Amino acid sequence: MAYQSGKDAEELAANFLAKQGYSPLARRLKTPCGEIDLLVANDEWLLAIEVKQRTTLTEARYALSPRQSQRLLRAFSFIIDTRPDWQRPNTRLDVLVVNQTGTIEQIEDALRLY
């Protein structure tokens, strides 16, 4: 059930980002360093997206552990280093938090805040 809930949250997140003009490059992208839920881009930005779904937005905001944060940063660095075809002038790792009603909040450049 948690697996399906996570997939549904990722689908909501992908649609949310598409409405902002981002195109999907990959979903559940596995790297030797870890997995990135969504990788999206527009002409200026390459975004790695971590999706956190919990009952409330507050719970979701605190769901990313320091250990997972480090894995995400390493995975994103790996992508930047190995996929020149995905390069953009700007890069950012965002967290999208989703509550049980499907409300989404985007935390831009989330790991620089930690």
N, C-alpha and C. Protein backbone atom coordinates (compact mmCIF):
# COMPACT_ATOMS: atom_id res chain seq x y z
N MET A 1 0.82 -1.19 0.00
CA MET A 1 0.00 0.00 0.00
C MET A 1 0.87 1.26 0.00
N ALA A 2 1.95 1.25 0.79
CA ALA A 2 2.86 2.40 0.83
C ALA A 2 3.52 2.59 -0.53
N TYR A 3 3.85 1.48 -1.20
CA TYR A 3 4.47 1.56 -2.53
C TYR A 3 3.54 2.27 -3.50
N GLN A 4 2.27 1.88 -3.53
CA GLN A 4 1.31 2.50 -4.45
C GLN A 4 1.08 3.96 -4.09
N SER A 5 1.02 4.25 -2.81
CA SER A 5 0.85 5.63 -2.36
C SER A 5 2.01 6.50 -2.83
N GLY A 6 3.23 5.94 -2.74
CA GLY A 6 4.41 6.65 -3.21
C GLY A 6 4.37 6.89 -4.71
N LYS A 7 3.96 5.87 -5.46
CA LYS A 7 3.85 6.03 -6.92
C LYS A 7 2.81 7.08 -7.28
N ASP A 8 1.69 7.07 -6.57
CA ASP A 8 0.64 8.07 -6.82
C ASP A 8 1.16 9.48 -6.53
N ALA A 9 1.91 9.63 -5.44
CA ALA A 9 2.47 10.94 -5.10
C ALA A 9 3.46 11.39 -6.16
N GLU A 10 4.26 10.46 -6.68
CA GLU A 10 5.21 10.81 -7.74
C GLU A 10 4.49 11.23 -9.01
N GLU A 11 3.38 10.59 -9.31
CA GLU A 11 2.59 10.98 -10.48
C GLU A 11 2.02 12.39 -10.30
N LEU A 12 1.49 12.68 -9.11
CA LEU A 12 1.00 14.04 -8.83
C LEU A 12 2.13 15.06 -8.97
N ALA A 13 3.30 14.70 -8.47
CA ALA A 13 4.46 15.60 -8.54
C ALA A 13 4.87 15.85 -9.99
N ALA A 14 4.89 14.79 -10.80
CA ALA A 14 5.26 14.94 -12.21
C ALA A 14 4.28 15.87 -12.93
N ASN A 15 3.00 15.72 -12.65
CA ASN A 15 1.99 16.59 -13.27
C ASN A 15 2.14 18.04 -12.79
N PHE A 16 2.42 18.21 -11.51
CA PHE A 16 2.64 19.53 -10.92
C PHE A 16 3.80 20.24 -11.62
N LEU A 17 4.90 19.50 -11.83
CA LEU A 17 6.08 20.07 -12.48
C LEU A 17 5.84 20.33 -13.97
N ALA A 18 5.08 19.48 -14.62
CA ALA A 18 4.75 19.68 -16.04
C ALA A 18 3.98 20.99 -16.22
N LYS A 19 3.10 21.31 -15.28
CA LYS A 19 2.35 22.57 -15.35
C LYS A 19 3.26 23.78 -15.19
N GLN A 20 4.44 23.58 -14.61
CA GLN A 20 5.43 24.66 -14.47
C GLN A 20 6.36 24.72 -15.67
N GLY A 21 6.16 23.84 -16.65
CA GLY A 21 6.97 23.88 -17.86
C GLY A 21 8.15 22.93 -17.88
N TYR A 22 8.21 22.01 -16.90
CA TYR A 22 9.31 21.04 -16.87
C TYR A 22 8.92 19.77 -17.62
N SER A 23 9.88 19.24 -18.34
CA SER A 23 9.69 17.97 -19.05
C SER A 23 10.39 16.86 -18.29
N PRO A 24 9.77 15.69 -18.22
CA PRO A 24 10.41 14.58 -17.50
C PRO A 24 11.57 14.00 -18.30
N LEU A 25 12.66 13.74 -17.63
CA LEU A 25 13.79 13.03 -18.22
C LEU A 25 13.86 11.59 -17.71
N ALA A 26 13.49 11.40 -16.44
CA ALA A 26 13.56 10.05 -15.86
C ALA A 26 12.70 10.00 -14.60
N ARG A 27 12.19 8.81 -14.33
CA ARG A 27 11.47 8.53 -13.09
C ARG A 27 12.14 7.35 -12.40
N ARG A 28 12.21 7.45 -11.10
CA ARG A 28 12.84 6.40 -10.29
C ARG A 28 14.18 5.98 -10.89
N LEU A 29 15.00 6.98 -11.12
CA LEU A 29 16.29 6.80 -11.78
C LEU A 29 17.30 6.21 -10.79
N LYS A 30 17.73 5.01 -11.07
CA LYS A 30 18.70 4.35 -10.21
C LYS A 30 20.12 4.68 -10.68
N THR A 31 20.96 5.05 -9.71
CA THR A 31 22.37 5.30 -9.97
C THR A 31 23.16 4.44 -8.99
N PRO A 32 24.46 4.31 -9.18
CA PRO A 32 25.26 3.58 -8.19
C PRO A 32 25.24 4.23 -6.81
N CYS A 33 24.81 5.47 -6.74
CA CYS A 33 24.82 6.22 -5.47
C CYS A 33 23.45 6.26 -4.79
N GLY A 34 22.41 5.92 -5.51
CA GLY A 34 21.06 5.98 -4.96
C GLY A 34 20.06 6.28 -6.05
N GLU A 35 18.80 6.38 -5.65
CA GLU A 35 17.71 6.60 -6.60
C GLU A 35 17.19 8.03 -6.50
N ILE A 36 16.87 8.59 -7.65
CA ILE A 36 16.22 9.90 -7.73
C ILE A 36 14.80 9.67 -8.19
N ASP A 37 13.83 10.19 -7.46
CA ASP A 37 12.42 9.95 -7.79
C ASP A 37 12.07 10.50 -9.17
N LEU A 38 12.38 11.76 -9.41
CA LEU A 38 12.08 12.39 -10.70
C LEU A 38 13.26 13.26 -11.12
N LEU A 39 13.52 13.26 -12.39
CA LEU A 39 14.50 14.17 -12.97
C LEU A 39 13.77 14.91 -14.09
N VAL A 40 13.69 16.23 -13.96
CA VAL A 40 12.95 17.04 -14.92
C VAL A 40 13.82 18.20 -15.38
N ALA A 41 13.45 18.79 -16.51
CA ALA A 41 14.23 19.91 -17.03
C ALA A 41 13.37 20.83 -17.88
N ASN A 42 13.83 22.06 -17.96
CA ASN A 42 13.37 23.00 -18.98
C ASN A 42 14.64 23.53 -19.65
N ASP A 43 14.57 24.59 -20.39
CA ASP A 43 15.76 25.09 -21.08
C ASP A 43 16.85 25.57 -20.13
N GLU A 44 16.47 26.06 -18.97
CA GLU A 44 17.41 26.66 -18.03
C GLU A 44 17.79 25.77 -16.85
N TRP A 45 16.91 24.88 -16.45
CA TRP A 45 17.09 24.14 -15.19
C TRP A 45 17.04 22.63 -15.37
N LEU A 46 17.90 21.95 -14.64
CA LEU A 46 17.83 20.50 -14.44
C LEU A 46 17.52 20.31 -12.96
N LEU A 47 16.38 19.67 -12.67
CA LEU A 47 15.96 19.47 -11.29
C LEU A 47 15.93 17.99 -10.95
N ALA A 48 16.54 17.65 -9.84
CA ALA A 48 16.36 16.34 -9.23
C ALA A 48 15.27 16.54 -8.18
N ILE A 49 14.30 15.66 -8.17
CA ILE A 49 13.15 15.81 -7.29
C ILE A 49 13.03 14.60 -6.38
N GLU A 50 12.95 14.87 -5.09
CA GLU A 50 12.61 13.85 -4.10
C GLU A 50 11.18 14.11 -3.68
N VAL A 51 10.34 13.09 -3.75
CA VAL A 51 8.94 13.22 -3.39
C VAL A 51 8.73 12.56 -2.03
N LYS A 52 8.12 13.29 -1.11
CA LYS A 52 7.81 12.77 0.21
C LYS A 52 6.31 12.90 0.44
N GLN A 53 5.65 11.78 0.66
CA GLN A 53 4.21 11.77 0.88
C GLN A 53 3.94 11.28 2.30
N ARG A 54 3.18 12.07 3.04
CA ARG A 54 2.78 11.72 4.40
C ARG A 54 1.35 12.22 4.62
N THR A 55 0.80 11.94 5.77
CA THR A 55 -0.57 12.36 6.07
C THR A 55 -0.71 13.87 5.98
N THR A 56 0.27 14.59 6.52
CA THR A 56 0.22 16.06 6.49
C THR A 56 1.48 16.59 5.81
N LEU A 57 1.40 17.82 5.35
CA LEU A 57 2.57 18.46 4.74
C LEU A 57 3.68 18.62 5.77
N THR A 58 3.31 18.92 7.01
CA THR A 58 4.33 19.08 8.05
C THR A 58 5.10 17.79 8.25
N GLU A 59 4.41 16.66 8.32
CA GLU A 59 5.09 15.37 8.46
C GLU A 59 6.00 15.11 7.26
N ALA A 60 5.52 15.43 6.08
CA ALA A 60 6.30 15.19 4.87
C ALA A 60 7.55 16.07 4.82
N ARG A 61 7.45 17.30 5.32
CA ARG A 61 8.61 18.20 5.32
C ARG A 61 9.78 17.64 6.12
N TYR A 62 9.47 16.85 7.14
CA TYR A 62 10.52 16.32 8.01
C TYR A 62 10.87 14.86 7.72
N ALA A 63 10.42 14.35 6.58
CA ALA A 63 10.62 12.94 6.26
C ALA A 63 11.97 12.62 5.63
N LEU A 64 12.70 13.61 5.22
CA LEU A 64 13.99 13.39 4.56
C LEU A 64 15.10 13.35 5.61
N SER A 65 15.74 12.20 5.73
CA SER A 65 16.80 12.05 6.73
C SER A 65 18.12 12.62 6.20
N PRO A 66 19.03 12.96 7.10
CA PRO A 66 20.35 13.44 6.66
C PRO A 66 21.08 12.40 5.80
N ARG A 67 20.96 11.14 6.15
CA ARG A 67 21.62 10.08 5.36
C ARG A 67 21.04 10.01 3.95
N GLN A 68 19.72 10.09 3.85
CA GLN A 68 19.09 10.08 2.53
C GLN A 68 19.47 11.33 1.74
N SER A 69 19.57 12.46 2.41
CA SER A 69 19.98 13.70 1.75
C SER A 69 21.34 13.54 1.09
N GLN A 70 22.28 12.93 1.81
CA GLN A 70 23.62 12.72 1.27
C GLN A 70 23.59 11.79 0.06
N ARG A 71 22.78 10.74 0.13
CA ARG A 71 22.65 9.83 -1.02
C ARG A 71 22.08 10.56 -2.23
N LEU A 72 21.09 11.41 -2.01
CA LEU A 72 20.50 12.16 -3.11
C LEU A 72 21.51 13.10 -3.76
N LEU A 73 22.28 13.78 -2.94
CA LEU A 73 23.32 14.67 -3.48
C LEU A 73 24.35 13.90 -4.29
N ARG A 74 24.77 12.74 -3.80
CA ARG A 74 25.73 11.92 -4.55
C ARG A 74 25.12 11.42 -5.85
N ALA A 75 23.87 10.98 -5.80
CA ALA A 75 23.20 10.49 -7.01
C ALA A 75 23.06 11.61 -8.04
N PHE A 76 22.71 12.81 -7.60
CA PHE A 76 22.56 13.93 -8.52
C PHE A 76 23.91 14.32 -9.11
N SER A 77 24.95 14.32 -8.31
CA SER A 77 26.30 14.59 -8.82
C SER A 77 26.69 13.57 -9.87
N PHE A 78 26.36 12.32 -9.62
CA PHE A 78 26.66 11.26 -10.59
C PHE A 78 25.97 11.55 -11.92
N ILE A 79 24.70 11.94 -11.87
CA ILE A 79 23.95 12.26 -13.09
C ILE A 79 24.58 13.44 -13.82
N ILE A 80 24.91 14.47 -13.09
CA ILE A 80 25.52 15.66 -13.70
C ILE A 80 26.85 15.30 -14.36
N ASP A 81 27.62 14.41 -13.72
CA ASP A 81 28.93 14.03 -14.25
C ASP A 81 28.86 13.06 -15.44
N THR A 82 27.80 12.27 -15.50
CA THR A 82 27.76 11.19 -16.51
C THR A 82 26.75 11.39 -17.63
N ARG A 83 25.92 12.41 -17.54
CA ARG A 83 24.91 12.62 -18.59
C ARG A 83 25.01 14.03 -19.17
N PRO A 84 26.03 14.28 -19.98
CA PRO A 84 26.18 15.63 -20.55
C PRO A 84 24.97 16.05 -21.40
N ASP A 85 24.24 15.08 -21.94
CA ASP A 85 23.07 15.41 -22.75
C ASP A 85 21.93 15.99 -21.91
N TRP A 86 21.99 15.84 -20.61
CA TRP A 86 20.97 16.39 -19.73
C TRP A 86 21.41 17.70 -19.08
N GLN A 87 22.58 18.17 -19.37
CA GLN A 87 23.11 19.38 -18.72
C GLN A 87 22.26 20.60 -19.07
N ARG A 88 22.12 21.47 -18.08
CA ARG A 88 21.46 22.76 -18.23
C ARG A 88 22.33 23.81 -17.52
N PRO A 89 22.10 25.09 -17.77
CA PRO A 89 22.90 26.12 -17.10
C PRO A 89 22.77 26.09 -15.58
N ASN A 90 21.63 25.63 -15.07
CA ASN A 90 21.37 25.64 -13.63
C ASN A 90 20.89 24.26 -13.17
N THR A 91 21.27 23.91 -11.96
CA THR A 91 20.81 22.65 -11.37
C THR A 91 20.31 22.91 -9.96
N ARG A 92 19.37 22.06 -9.53
CA ARG A 92 18.80 22.23 -8.20
C ARG A 92 18.18 20.90 -7.76
N LEU A 93 18.24 20.64 -6.47
CA LEU A 93 17.57 19.47 -5.91
C LEU A 93 16.42 19.98 -5.04
N ASP A 94 15.20 19.67 -5.48
CA ASP A 94 14.00 20.10 -4.77
C ASP A 94 13.33 18.92 -4.10
N VAL A 95 12.59 19.21 -3.06
CA VAL A 95 11.73 18.21 -2.43
C VAL A 95 10.30 18.66 -2.64
N LEU A 96 9.46 17.75 -3.12
CA LEU A 96 8.04 18.01 -3.22
C LEU A 96 7.35 17.19 -2.15
N VAL A 97 6.65 17.87 -1.26
CA VAL A 97 5.93 17.19 -0.20
C VAL A 97 4.45 17.14 -0.59
N VAL A 98 3.84 15.99 -0.31
CA VAL A 98 2.46 15.74 -0.71
C VAL A 98 1.72 15.21 0.52
N ASN A 99 0.53 15.75 0.77
CA ASN A 99 -0.26 15.21 1.87
C ASN A 99 -1.30 14.23 1.35
N GLN A 100 -2.10 13.68 2.25
CA GLN A 100 -3.04 12.63 1.86
C GLN A 100 -4.16 13.12 0.96
N THR A 101 -4.40 14.42 0.90
CA THR A 101 -5.42 14.94 0.00
C THR A 101 -4.86 15.33 -1.36
N GLY A 102 -3.53 15.19 -1.54
CA GLY A 102 -2.91 15.51 -2.82
C GLY A 102 -2.39 16.93 -2.94
N THR A 103 -2.41 17.66 -1.85
CA THR A 103 -1.84 19.01 -1.86
C THR A 103 -0.32 18.89 -1.94
N ILE A 104 0.29 19.72 -2.78
CA ILE A 104 1.73 19.66 -3.01
C ILE A 104 2.38 20.97 -2.61
N GLU A 105 3.51 20.86 -1.98
CA GLU A 105 4.35 22.02 -1.66
C GLU A 105 5.75 21.74 -2.20
N GLN A 106 6.31 22.69 -2.92
CA GLN A 106 7.65 22.54 -3.48
C GLN A 106 8.65 23.29 -2.61
N ILE A 107 9.67 22.56 -2.15
CA ILE A 107 10.74 23.17 -1.38
C ILE A 107 11.94 23.25 -2.33
N GLU A 108 12.17 24.45 -2.85
CA GLU A 108 13.24 24.64 -3.82
C GLU A 108 14.60 24.62 -3.13
N ASP A 109 15.56 23.99 -3.81
CA ASP A 109 16.93 23.95 -3.31
C ASP A 109 16.97 23.45 -1.87
N ALA A 110 16.20 22.42 -1.62
CA ALA A 110 15.93 21.96 -0.26
C ALA A 110 17.18 21.59 0.52
N LEU A 111 18.14 20.95 -0.10
CA LEU A 111 19.28 20.47 0.67
C LEU A 111 20.24 21.58 1.06
N ARG A 112 20.18 22.71 0.38
CA ARG A 112 20.99 23.84 0.82
C ARG A 112 20.41 24.46 2.09
N LEU A 113 19.15 24.12 2.39
CA LEU A 113 18.51 24.64 3.59
C LEU A 113 18.87 23.85 4.83
N TYR A 114 19.35 22.63 4.66
CA TYR A 114 19.66 21.77 5.81
C TYR A 114 21.01 22.08 6.38
